[in-house]
Amino acid sequence: MAPRHGKAAPKPFYTSLYFQVFVAIVLGVALGSVAPAEAVKLKPISDAFIKALRLMLPPIIFTTMALGIGSTGDLKKVGRMGFKSIAYFEVVTTLALGLGLLVVHLFKPGAGLNIDPRALDAGAVAGLVKAGSNLSFVDYLLAIIPTGAASPFVENNLLQVLFLGALFGLALAHVGSRADVLHRGFEQLSAVLFKVVGYLIKLAPLAAFAAMSFTIGRYGTQTLSSLAALLGCFYLTAAFFLIVVLGAVCWYCGFSIWKFLRYFKDELLIVLGTSASESVLPALMQKLERLGCSKATVGFVLPAGYTFNLDGASIYLTMAFVFIAQATNTPLSWGQELFVLGVMLLTSKGAAGVPGGGFVALAATLAAVPLVPIAGLTLLLGVDSFMSAVRALINVAGNAVATIVVSKWEGEFDPAHADRVFREATAVDRVAAR
């Protein structure tokens, strides 16, 4: 029977992206456990998905950053948003680093392993250490400026794309109505890019299945059991940060963390399945605007957060650093650890946009502050893939919350409107589940 009053019939629950990705993850774990040799061969599928999305990311970040700044028409507001964003990023990132440091000392997951660093294969991480050693503070600042207008897009350097987009946005805001044609052109280009990503995201269940199959098939459960203490501590800390720290920020903004998680469940599950935070950037932007955040704020804060606000990676950095020290019986004073924490505030951002960014940032820290054996990185190779998905999930959640906070500080965010959007999304999910 056709639906009355012209309303579309609710879609069956099994057509929802959330359900499909969840099933894909479960099937991937099963295949990786039962047929690891075959599961490993599926990696090119997830690699192709992530490469295709990363291909679209530079133009999306460029256009959204340019539109976000250009549409304000007020350079003072741009400066104000920039100051508020950086202040929030630094405070929350420091909290994440400190929380990781506290938990790793409380539970001591590396104590008792008594590993001789001379017995470790330093060659296995030589490439990462070399990449990390190049991430000095001065080089990091200079690397923000591209060598050519097209090089950020050719090299897929998101930090440089961000810089170029900010320059274009400032120019758009300054020129005003004389750049209306260019402004509309950017809006039309952005709409097309979002539509292309919408096509690609339909393949997320397949990518999640391939990625999870490879991870379980390649590393297996024996790797998990050998470093279960570290994994358990990291997952516990990530959950605490998500529910308590970000939950407190959500409460400050006028809604609960549970409503936030239900609203963004599709995006968070895709990130968990693919370990790629870039895959959900367009969807996050659209949903944040629906919540009441202005296009200008979303276009400015969210892309910036992808570079400067890596909460999940920050938790990982301090935990992994101290874990290596504990496992190799390397003594560290509190002064040394606090100094390393300060260094990590820089290295966590210097590795943004680099494949395996969290691991490269750790290598950068060990190269810059050689207080623990660099060869200790090999202890983490087997479990890093299991951590990267959770790192990416916390990064994405943290950036979405950061955008809402800055929107609230700018007087744009209305909790009552957001609550209506949350209720409508929940009602749609309940109808679909019937």
Protein backbone atom coordinates (compact mmCIF):
# COMPACT_ATOMS: atom_id res chain seq x y z
CA MET A 1 0.00 0.00 0.00
CA ALA A 2 1.34 3.44 -0.89
CA PRO A 3 2.12 5.75 2.02
CA ARG A 4 -0.51 8.39 2.71
CA HIS A 5 -0.04 12.20 2.86
CA GLY A 6 2.81 11.97 0.37
CA LYS A 7 5.32 10.81 2.99
CA ALA A 8 8.05 8.43 1.92
CA ALA A 9 7.94 4.99 3.46
CA PRO A 10 10.63 4.40 6.11
CA LYS A 11 13.67 2.54 4.84
CA PRO A 12 14.34 -0.92 6.30
CA PHE A 13 17.01 -0.91 9.03
CA TYR A 14 19.33 -3.12 6.99
CA THR A 15 19.70 -0.36 4.36
CA SER A 16 21.21 2.05 6.88
CA LEU A 17 24.92 2.72 6.57
CA TYR A 18 25.40 2.20 10.30
CA PHE A 19 24.00 -1.34 10.18
CA GLN A 20 25.91 -2.27 7.03
CA VAL A 21 29.26 -1.07 8.40
CA PHE A 22 28.64 -2.86 11.71
CA VAL A 23 27.89 -6.14 9.92
CA ALA A 24 30.94 -5.63 7.70
CA ILE A 25 33.21 -5.23 10.74
CA VAL A 26 31.84 -8.40 12.35
CA LEU A 27 32.26 -10.38 9.12
CA GLY A 28 35.77 -8.99 8.70
CA VAL A 29 36.78 -10.18 12.17
CA ALA A 30 35.29 -13.60 11.41
CA LEU A 31 37.10 -13.97 8.08
CA GLY A 32 40.39 -12.77 9.53
CA SER A 33 40.12 -15.35 12.31
CA VAL A 34 39.03 -18.29 10.14
CA ALA A 35 41.01 -17.69 6.93
CA PRO A 36 43.85 -15.25 7.67
CA ALA A 37 45.76 -16.01 4.47
CA GLU A 38 42.77 -15.05 2.33
CA ALA A 39 41.83 -12.10 4.56
CA VAL A 40 45.23 -10.45 4.11
CA LYS A 41 44.67 -10.35 0.34
CA LEU A 42 41.71 -7.97 0.79
CA LYS A 43 43.89 -5.05 1.89
CA PRO A 44 43.96 -3.41 -1.59
CA ILE A 45 40.19 -2.88 -1.34
CA SER A 46 40.43 -0.75 1.80
CA ASP A 47 43.56 0.97 0.44
CA ALA A 48 41.70 1.92 -2.74
CA PHE A 49 38.76 3.31 -0.74
CA ILE A 50 41.01 5.46 1.46
CA LYS A 51 43.09 6.65 -1.52
CA ALA A 52 39.94 7.68 -3.38
CA LEU A 53 38.69 9.65 -0.38
CA ARG A 54 42.07 11.27 0.21
CA LEU A 55 42.04 12.31 -3.43
CA MET A 56 38.90 14.36 -2.74
CA LEU A 57 40.04 15.76 0.60
CA PRO A 58 42.43 18.56 -0.52
CA PRO A 59 39.88 20.34 -2.76
CA ILE A 60 37.17 19.87 -0.12
CA ILE A 61 39.31 21.35 2.65
CA PHE A 62 40.43 24.20 0.37
CA THR A 63 36.91 25.18 -0.69
CA THR A 64 35.35 24.81 2.75
CA MET A 65 38.14 26.77 4.46
CA ALA A 66 37.97 29.51 1.82
CA LEU A 67 34.17 29.67 2.03
CA GLY A 68 34.20 29.43 5.83
CA ILE A 69 36.45 32.47 6.18
CA GLY A 70 35.22 34.33 3.11
CA SER A 71 31.53 34.10 4.01
CA THR A 72 32.03 35.83 7.38
CA GLY A 73 32.73 39.17 5.72
CA ASP A 74 34.33 40.17 9.02
CA LEU A 75 38.09 39.73 9.42
CA LYS A 76 37.82 40.44 13.14
CA LYS A 77 35.49 37.46 13.49
CA VAL A 78 37.98 35.28 11.60
CA GLY A 79 40.74 36.29 14.01
CA ARG A 80 38.43 35.73 16.96
CA MET A 81 37.45 32.25 15.75
CA GLY A 82 41.09 31.40 15.12
CA PHE A 83 42.12 32.43 18.63
CA LYS A 84 39.24 30.56 20.27
CA SER A 85 39.88 27.44 18.19
CA ILE A 86 43.61 27.28 18.94
CA ALA A 87 42.99 27.96 22.65
CA TYR A 88 40.45 25.14 22.84
CA PHE A 89 42.65 22.76 20.83
CA GLU A 90 45.65 23.31 23.09
CA VAL A 91 43.71 22.91 26.34
CA VAL A 92 41.96 19.70 25.27
CA THR A 93 45.08 18.23 23.64
CA THR A 94 47.04 18.86 26.84
CA LEU A 95 44.29 17.14 28.83
CA ALA A 96 44.49 14.13 26.51
CA LEU A 97 48.28 13.95 26.85
CA GLY A 98 48.07 14.27 30.62
CA LEU A 99 45.33 11.65 30.87
CA GLY A 100 47.41 9.15 28.92
CA LEU A 101 50.38 9.85 31.16
CA LEU A 102 48.30 9.35 34.31
CA VAL A 103 46.75 6.04 33.21
CA VAL A 104 50.00 4.47 31.99
CA HIS A 105 51.57 5.23 35.39
CA LEU A 106 48.55 3.98 37.27
CA PHE A 107 48.33 0.58 35.53
CA LYS A 108 51.97 0.15 34.38
CA PRO A 109 51.20 -2.08 31.34
CA GLY A 110 54.90 -2.37 30.40
CA ALA A 111 56.22 -3.25 33.84
CA GLY A 112 57.68 -6.74 34.15
CA LEU A 113 58.35 -7.31 30.44
CA ASN A 114 62.11 -6.74 31.04
CA ILE A 115 62.93 -6.39 27.35
CA ASP A 116 66.53 -5.81 26.34
CA PRO A 117 66.45 -3.02 23.71
CA ARG A 118 69.57 -4.50 22.08
CA ALA A 119 67.51 -7.56 21.15
CA LEU A 120 64.94 -5.49 19.25
CA ASP A 121 65.04 -5.03 15.49
CA ALA A 122 65.62 -1.30 15.05
CA GLY A 123 65.67 -1.71 11.28
CA ALA A 124 61.94 -2.48 11.28
CA VAL A 125 61.17 1.12 12.25
CA ALA A 126 64.15 2.87 10.62
CA GLY A 127 61.96 4.53 7.98
CA LEU A 128 59.53 5.89 10.54
CA VAL A 129 62.33 7.16 12.75
CA LYS A 130 63.85 8.94 9.75
CA ALA A 131 60.49 10.51 8.91
CA GLY A 132 59.98 11.52 12.51
CA SER A 133 63.46 13.02 12.88
CA ASN A 134 62.64 15.49 10.10
CA LEU A 135 59.72 16.97 12.05
CA SER A 136 61.61 19.71 13.94
CA PHE A 137 59.64 22.76 15.05
CA VAL A 138 61.29 25.13 12.56
CA ASP A 139 60.91 22.66 9.69
CA TYR A 140 57.28 22.16 10.71
CA LEU A 141 56.59 25.90 10.48
CA LEU A 142 58.37 26.25 7.14
CA ALA A 143 56.58 23.18 5.77
CA ILE A 144 53.25 24.97 6.19
CA ILE A 145 54.13 27.25 3.27
CA PRO A 146 53.87 25.40 -0.07
CA THR A 147 56.53 25.70 -2.75
CA GLY A 148 53.87 26.31 -5.40
CA ALA A 149 50.15 26.97 -5.67
CA ALA A 150 49.46 23.47 -7.00
CA SER A 151 51.97 21.51 -4.89
CA PRO A 152 49.68 21.08 -1.84
CA PHE A 153 47.11 19.35 -4.05
CA VAL A 154 49.66 17.31 -5.99
CA GLU A 155 51.45 16.15 -2.81
CA ASN A 156 48.19 15.82 -0.83
CA ASN A 157 49.67 17.98 1.95
CA LEU A 158 46.62 18.88 4.04
CA LEU A 159 48.45 21.38 6.23
CA GLN A 160 49.51 23.37 3.17
CA VAL A 161 46.02 23.09 1.68
CA LEU A 162 44.68 24.51 4.94
CA PHE A 163 47.14 27.41 4.73
CA LEU A 164 46.27 28.15 1.10
CA GLY A 165 42.52 27.92 1.81
CA ALA A 166 42.89 30.36 4.72
CA LEU A 167 44.71 32.86 2.50
CA PHE A 168 42.01 32.62 -0.18
CA GLY A 169 39.30 32.95 2.45
CA LEU A 170 40.86 36.09 3.91
CA ALA A 171 41.11 37.56 0.42
CA LEU A 172 37.46 36.71 -0.32
CA ALA A 173 36.35 38.37 2.91
CA HIS A 174 38.45 41.47 2.17
CA VAL A 175 37.41 41.86 -1.48
CA GLY A 176 33.71 41.48 -0.63
CA SER A 177 31.06 41.76 -3.35
CA ARG A 178 33.66 42.03 -6.14
CA ALA A 179 34.39 38.32 -5.61
CA ASP A 180 30.75 37.18 -5.65
CA VAL A 181 31.25 35.16 -8.85
CA LEU A 182 34.26 33.35 -7.37
CA HIS A 183 32.38 32.80 -4.12
CA ARG A 184 29.46 31.18 -5.95
CA GLY A 185 31.91 29.12 -7.99
CA PHE A 186 33.48 27.74 -4.81
CA GLU A 187 30.02 26.91 -3.45
CA GLN A 188 29.11 25.03 -6.62
CA LEU A 189 32.44 23.20 -6.67
CA SER A 190 32.01 22.26 -3.01
CA ALA A 191 28.53 20.85 -3.72
CA VAL A 192 29.91 18.68 -6.53
CA LEU A 193 32.81 17.44 -4.38
CA PHE A 194 30.43 16.52 -1.55
CA LYS A 195 28.27 14.61 -4.02
CA VAL A 196 31.30 12.63 -5.26
CA VAL A 197 32.22 11.74 -1.67
CA GLY A 198 28.61 10.68 -1.15
CA TYR A 199 29.04 8.17 -3.97
CA LEU A 200 32.29 6.87 -2.51
CA ILE A 201 30.96 6.57 1.04
CA LYS A 202 28.43 3.99 -0.14
CA LEU A 203 31.43 1.66 -0.44
CA ALA A 204 32.33 2.15 3.24
CA PRO A 205 30.92 -1.26 4.33
CA LEU A 206 33.10 -3.04 1.76
CA ALA A 207 36.16 -1.03 2.85
CA ALA A 208 35.47 -1.72 6.53
CA PHE A 209 35.14 -5.45 5.81
CA ALA A 210 38.45 -5.49 3.92
CA ALA A 211 40.30 -3.39 6.51
CA MET A 212 39.12 -5.45 9.46
CA SER A 213 39.78 -8.74 7.65
CA PHE A 214 43.35 -7.66 6.90
CA THR A 215 44.04 -6.43 10.44
CA ILE A 216 42.85 -9.63 12.11
CA GLY A 217 44.36 -11.88 9.43
CA ARG A 218 47.73 -10.12 9.46
CA TYR A 219 48.27 -9.69 13.19
CA GLY A 220 45.91 -12.24 14.72
CA THR A 221 44.76 -12.60 18.28
CA GLN A 222 48.14 -13.77 19.57
CA THR A 223 49.51 -10.23 19.08
CA LEU A 224 46.60 -8.85 21.04
CA SER A 225 47.15 -11.21 23.94
CA SER A 226 50.85 -10.40 24.19
CA LEU A 227 50.18 -6.68 24.58
CA ALA A 228 46.69 -6.92 26.05
CA ALA A 229 47.59 -4.72 29.02
CA LEU A 230 48.61 -1.81 26.82
CA LEU A 231 45.58 -2.21 24.56
CA GLY A 232 43.25 -2.43 27.53
CA CYS A 233 44.71 0.70 29.11
CA PHE A 234 44.50 2.60 25.84
CA TYR A 235 40.88 1.59 25.17
CA LEU A 236 39.92 2.40 28.75
CA THR A 237 41.56 5.82 28.56
CA ALA A 238 39.98 6.58 25.17
CA ALA A 239 36.53 5.63 26.51
CA PHE A 240 37.05 7.80 29.62
CA PHE A 241 38.13 10.74 27.49
CA LEU A 242 35.14 10.32 25.16
CA ILE A 243 32.48 9.85 27.83
CA VAL A 244 33.81 11.98 30.68
CA VAL A 245 35.97 14.72 29.16
CA LEU A 246 34.08 15.25 25.91
CA GLY A 247 30.88 14.42 27.78
CA ALA A 248 31.53 17.35 30.14
CA VAL A 249 32.10 19.64 27.16
CA CYS A 250 28.84 18.44 25.58
CA TRP A 251 27.01 19.09 28.86
CA TYR A 252 28.45 22.61 28.85
CA CYS A 253 27.01 23.05 25.36
CA GLY A 254 23.57 21.91 26.51
CA PHE A 255 23.24 18.27 25.42
CA SER A 256 24.42 14.82 26.49
CA ILE A 257 27.29 12.85 25.00
CA TRP A 258 24.87 9.99 24.31
CA LYS A 259 22.76 12.16 22.01
CA PHE A 260 25.95 13.27 20.30
CA LEU A 261 27.11 9.67 19.77
CA ARG A 262 23.72 8.55 18.43
CA TYR A 263 23.62 11.47 16.01
CA PHE A 264 27.11 10.80 14.61
CA LYS A 265 26.98 7.00 14.87
CA ASP A 266 27.31 6.40 11.12
CA GLU A 267 30.44 8.51 10.84
CA LEU A 268 32.07 7.14 14.00
CA LEU A 269 31.48 3.53 12.96
CA ILE A 270 32.94 4.18 9.50
CA VAL A 271 36.05 5.63 11.13
CA LEU A 272 36.26 2.65 13.48
CA GLY A 273 36.00 0.23 10.59
CA THR A 274 38.41 1.94 8.20
CA SER A 275 40.78 3.78 10.61
CA ALA A 276 40.45 6.77 8.27
CA SER A 277 39.11 9.98 9.79
CA GLU A 278 39.23 11.73 6.40
CA SER A 279 36.41 9.58 5.08
CA VAL A 280 33.73 11.32 7.14
CA LEU A 281 34.78 14.98 6.91
CA PRO A 282 32.06 16.02 4.41
CA ALA A 283 29.33 14.20 6.35
CA LEU A 284 30.49 15.79 9.61
CA MET A 285 30.26 19.24 8.06
CA GLN A 286 26.72 18.69 6.84
CA LYS A 287 25.52 17.29 10.18
CA LEU A 288 27.17 20.08 12.19
CA GLU A 289 25.46 22.69 10.03
CA ARG A 290 22.18 20.87 10.58
CA LEU A 291 22.77 21.15 14.35
CA GLY A 292 22.96 24.92 14.05
CA CYS A 293 26.67 25.63 13.59
CA SER A 294 27.17 28.25 10.88
CA LYS A 295 28.79 27.33 7.58
CA ALA A 296 31.60 29.78 8.33
CA THR A 297 32.42 28.23 11.70
CA VAL A 298 32.22 24.65 10.41
CA GLY A 299 34.32 25.49 7.37
CA PHE A 300 36.99 27.07 9.56
CA VAL A 301 37.14 25.01 12.76
CA LEU A 302 36.61 21.44 11.51
CA PRO A 303 39.37 21.39 8.86
CA ALA A 304 41.72 23.15 11.29
CA GLY A 305 40.91 20.53 13.92
CA TYR A 306 41.97 17.75 11.58
CA THR A 307 45.48 19.22 11.79
CA PHE A 308 45.71 20.80 15.24
CA ASN A 309 43.30 18.83 17.45
CA LEU A 310 44.36 15.18 17.53
CA ASP A 311 42.98 14.06 20.90
CA GLY A 312 43.19 10.33 20.22
CA ALA A 313 46.77 10.57 18.97
CA SER A 314 47.69 12.61 22.06
CA ILE A 315 46.43 9.90 24.42
CA TYR A 316 48.40 7.33 22.44
CA LEU A 317 51.65 9.32 22.45
CA THR A 318 52.19 9.59 26.19
CA MET A 319 50.98 6.06 26.87
CA ALA A 320 53.23 4.53 24.20
CA PHE A 321 56.27 6.57 25.28
CA VAL A 322 56.05 5.55 28.92
CA PHE A 323 55.12 1.96 27.97
CA ILE A 324 58.41 1.62 26.05
CA ALA A 325 60.28 3.01 29.06
CA GLN A 326 58.55 0.54 31.38
CA ALA A 327 59.09 -2.42 29.06
CA THR A 328 62.82 -1.68 28.64
CA ASN A 329 63.37 -0.70 32.30
CA THR A 330 64.39 2.83 31.30
CA PRO A 331 64.09 5.22 34.29
CA LEU A 332 62.35 8.54 33.68
CA SER A 333 61.94 11.42 36.12
CA TRP A 334 58.71 13.40 36.31
CA GLY A 335 60.60 16.41 34.98
CA GLN A 336 61.67 14.46 31.92
CA GLU A 337 58.16 13.19 31.33
CA LEU A 338 56.64 16.66 31.58
CA PHE A 339 59.26 17.93 29.16
CA VAL A 340 58.37 15.15 26.73
CA LEU A 341 54.69 16.08 27.12
CA GLY A 342 55.55 19.61 25.98
CA VAL A 343 57.46 18.25 22.98
CA MET A 344 54.48 16.09 22.07
CA LEU A 345 52.27 19.17 21.85
CA LEU A 346 54.36 20.03 18.79
CA THR A 347 55.14 16.61 17.32
CA SER A 348 51.48 15.53 17.45
CA LYS A 349 50.71 18.38 15.03
CA GLY A 350 53.84 17.97 12.94
CA ALA A 351 52.73 14.49 11.87
CA ALA A 352 49.21 15.56 10.91
CA GLY A 353 48.27 14.38 7.45
CA VAL A 354 51.12 11.83 7.39
CA PRO A 355 50.01 8.19 6.86
CA GLY A 356 50.30 6.47 10.25
CA GLY A 357 50.48 9.93 11.80
CA GLY A 358 50.28 8.81 15.43
CA PHE A 359 53.16 6.37 14.98
CA VAL A 360 55.24 8.94 13.06
CA ALA A 361 54.60 11.51 15.80
CA LEU A 362 55.89 9.03 18.37
CA ALA A 363 58.98 8.43 16.24
CA ALA A 364 59.45 12.21 16.01
CA THR A 365 59.34 12.48 19.80
CA LEU A 366 61.83 9.66 20.33
CA ALA A 367 64.15 11.22 17.74
CA ALA A 368 63.89 14.69 19.29
CA VAL A 369 64.16 13.54 22.91
CA PRO A 370 66.19 10.28 23.01
CA LEU A 371 65.30 9.32 26.57
CA VAL A 372 64.03 5.83 25.71
CA PRO A 373 65.36 3.34 23.12
CA ILE A 374 64.05 4.14 19.64
CA ALA A 375 64.12 0.40 18.88
CA GLY A 376 61.28 0.11 21.41
CA LEU A 377 58.93 1.24 18.65
CA THR A 378 59.06 -2.32 17.33
CA LEU A 379 57.10 -3.42 20.41
CA LEU A 380 54.11 -1.47 19.11
CA LEU A 381 54.15 -2.53 15.46
CA GLY A 382 51.79 -5.47 15.97
CA VAL A 383 49.11 -3.61 17.93
CA ASP A 384 49.33 -0.18 16.33
CA SER A 385 46.65 -1.11 13.77
CA PHE A 386 44.26 -1.97 16.59
CA MET A 387 44.98 1.38 18.22
CA SER A 388 44.80 3.50 15.07
CA ALA A 389 41.05 2.96 14.62
CA VAL A 390 40.30 4.18 18.14
CA ARG A 391 42.75 7.06 17.76
CA ALA A 392 40.93 8.17 14.63
CA LEU A 393 37.51 7.81 16.30
CA ILE A 394 38.52 10.02 19.24
CA ASN A 395 40.08 12.54 16.86
CA VAL A 396 36.84 12.81 14.87
CA ALA A 397 34.61 13.06 17.94
CA GLY A 398 36.91 15.66 19.47
CA ASN A 399 36.85 17.81 16.34
CA ALA A 400 33.07 17.68 16.05
CA VAL A 401 32.72 18.74 19.68
CA ALA A 402 35.32 21.50 19.18
CA THR A 403 33.28 22.93 16.30
CA ILE A 404 30.16 23.03 18.46
CA VAL A 405 32.07 24.74 21.30
CA VAL A 406 33.45 27.50 19.07
CA SER A 407 29.98 27.91 17.54
CA LYS A 408 28.57 28.35 21.05
CA TRP A 409 31.24 30.92 21.90
CA GLU A 410 30.33 32.78 18.72
CA GLY A 411 26.68 32.89 19.83
CA GLU A 412 25.47 30.70 16.94
CA PHE A 413 24.66 27.41 18.65
CA ASP A 414 21.15 26.98 20.04
CA PRO A 415 20.80 23.92 22.33
CA ALA A 416 17.02 23.87 21.82
CA HIS A 417 17.41 23.65 18.04
CA ALA A 418 20.12 20.99 18.43
CA ASP A 419 17.84 18.97 20.71
CA ARG A 420 15.11 19.01 18.06
CA VAL A 421 17.59 17.76 15.47
CA PHE A 422 18.74 15.00 17.85
CA ARG A 423 15.12 13.94 18.47
CA GLU A 424 14.29 13.91 14.77
CA ALA A 425 17.34 11.77 13.99
CA THR A 426 16.46 9.35 16.78
CA ALA A 427 12.84 9.12 15.58
CA VAL A 428 13.99 8.29 12.05
CA ASP A 429 16.26 5.53 13.40
CA ARG A 430 13.42 4.04 15.47
CA VAL A 431 11.06 3.99 12.50
CA ALA A 432 13.73 2.36 10.33
CA ALA A 433 14.38 -0.31 12.96
CA ARG A 434 10.76 -1.50 12.97
